[in-house]
Amino acid sequence: MTKKEMAQKLAKECDLSQQKALEVLTTLFDATDGQGIIAQELDGEHKVTIPGFGTFSTRERAERQGKNPANGETITIPKRRYVHFSPGKTLKERIQAGAVKPAPKKKK
């Protein structure tokens, strides 16, 4: 599903214009610097919890040793922060029960 398709569904479900629905999605999910409510909270190292759906948070992976696959040489992989999503109980149960059917594949 694309952002545009999601905006169309949101507009229909909530009786909004498609433009307003797109604005809502952008306000929540925009990842450009200084934008997007969720991204701003993650920048501040806060968790974003949507009850029943899940929690977005940041984690840090420590520096570690690895191997260059091209020549087998040992390299140091620097530490890094990354986004983590943990699904909520309701979402996990719904997926596990098979209540969500895969979306039909689009014709090319």
Protein backbone atom coordinates (compact mmCIF):
# COMPACT_ATOMS: atom_id res chain seq x y z
CA MET A 1 0.00 0.00 0.00
CA THR A 2 1.36 3.41 -0.91
CA LYS A 3 0.94 6.62 1.05
CA LYS A 4 -1.53 7.84 -1.59
CA GLU A 5 -3.61 4.66 -1.30
CA MET A 6 -3.57 4.93 2.48
CA ALA A 7 -4.74 8.56 2.24
CA GLN A 8 -7.61 7.49 -0.01
CA LYS A 9 -8.73 4.85 2.49
CA LEU A 10 -8.35 7.26 5.42
CA ALA A 11 -10.38 9.90 3.56
CA LYS A 12 -13.16 7.42 2.88
CA GLU A 13 -13.22 5.97 6.43
CA CYS A 14 -13.12 9.34 8.22
CA ASP A 15 -15.13 11.46 5.78
CA LEU A 16 -12.17 13.71 4.96
CA SER A 17 -10.94 15.14 1.71
CA GLN A 18 -8.05 13.19 0.19
CA GLN A 19 -5.85 16.28 0.56
CA LYS A 20 -6.61 16.52 4.31
CA ALA A 21 -6.03 12.78 4.79
CA LEU A 22 -2.65 13.09 3.02
CA GLU A 23 -1.78 16.04 5.26
CA VAL A 24 -2.60 13.97 8.37
CA LEU A 25 -0.41 11.08 7.20
CA THR A 26 2.45 13.41 6.33
CA THR A 27 2.20 15.13 9.71
CA LEU A 28 2.47 11.77 11.47
CA PHE A 29 4.93 9.84 9.32
CA ASP A 30 7.21 12.34 7.52
CA ALA A 31 10.84 11.35 8.08
CA THR A 32 12.55 14.46 6.68
CA ASP A 33 14.65 16.42 9.15
CA GLY A 34 12.53 18.33 11.68
CA GLN A 35 9.24 16.93 10.37
CA GLY A 36 6.85 14.14 11.33
CA ILE A 37 5.49 13.65 14.83
CA ILE A 38 6.76 10.08 15.17
CA ALA A 39 10.24 10.88 13.81
CA GLN A 40 10.57 13.91 16.10
CA GLU A 41 9.77 11.78 19.14
CA LEU A 42 12.27 9.13 18.06
CA ASP A 43 14.90 11.87 17.55
CA GLY A 44 14.40 12.75 21.22
CA GLU A 45 14.84 9.06 22.12
CA HIS A 46 11.20 8.79 23.25
CA LYS A 47 8.98 5.80 22.60
CA VAL A 48 5.81 6.17 20.54
CA THR A 49 3.15 3.71 21.70
CA ILE A 50 -0.11 3.13 19.87
CA PRO A 51 -2.11 0.81 22.16
CA GLY A 52 -3.01 -2.48 20.50
CA PHE A 53 -0.90 -1.65 17.43
CA GLY A 54 2.65 -1.37 18.71
CA THR A 55 5.58 0.70 19.90
CA PHE A 56 8.20 2.55 17.90
CA SER A 57 11.51 3.12 19.70
CA THR A 58 15.19 3.58 19.01
CA ARG A 59 17.93 1.18 19.96
CA GLU A 60 21.69 1.26 19.72
CA ARG A 61 23.80 -1.49 18.26
CA ALA A 62 27.29 -1.59 19.84
CA GLU A 63 30.51 -1.40 17.88
CA ARG A 64 31.57 -4.87 16.80
CA GLN A 65 34.04 -6.80 14.71
CA GLY A 66 33.08 -8.20 11.33
CA LYS A 67 34.70 -9.58 8.20
CA ASN A 68 34.94 -7.99 4.80
CA PRO A 69 33.30 -10.62 2.56
CA ALA A 70 35.48 -9.63 -0.41
CA ASN A 71 38.81 -10.42 1.22
CA GLY A 72 38.08 -11.89 4.68
CA GLU A 73 39.82 -8.99 6.41
CA THR A 74 38.63 -8.14 9.93
CA ILE A 75 36.90 -4.75 10.11
CA THR A 76 35.34 -2.68 12.87
CA ILE A 77 31.65 -1.98 12.36
CA PRO A 78 30.81 1.29 14.14
CA LYS A 79 27.98 1.60 16.67
CA ARG A 80 24.70 2.89 15.30
CA ARG A 81 21.19 3.86 16.34
CA TYR A 82 18.25 2.29 14.58
CA VAL A 83 14.46 2.31 14.72
CA HIS A 84 12.75 -0.68 16.29
CA PHE A 85 9.05 -1.59 16.08
CA SER A 86 7.47 -3.95 18.56
CA PRO A 87 3.95 -5.04 17.61
CA GLY A 88 1.23 -4.78 20.25
CA LYS A 89 -0.67 -7.75 21.65
CA THR A 90 -3.83 -7.11 19.60
CA LEU A 91 -1.91 -6.82 16.32
CA LYS A 92 0.14 -9.94 17.07
CA GLU A 93 -3.00 -11.94 17.86
CA ARG A 94 -4.75 -10.72 14.72
CA ILE A 95 -1.83 -11.68 12.48
CA GLN A 96 -1.35 -15.00 14.25
CA ALA A 97 -5.03 -15.87 13.82
CA GLY A 98 -4.82 -15.21 10.10
CA ALA A 99 -7.46 -12.47 10.23
CA VAL A 100 -5.39 -10.35 7.87
CA LYS A 101 -5.36 -11.64 4.33
CA PRO A 102 -2.49 -10.65 2.04
CA ALA A 103 -3.34 -7.78 -0.27
CA PRO A 104 -3.91 -8.85 -3.86
CA LYS A 105 -0.89 -8.32 -6.07
CA LYS A 106 -1.09 -5.38 -8.42
CA LYS A 107 -1.08 -5.99 -12.14
CA LYS A 108 1.84 -4.45 -13.95
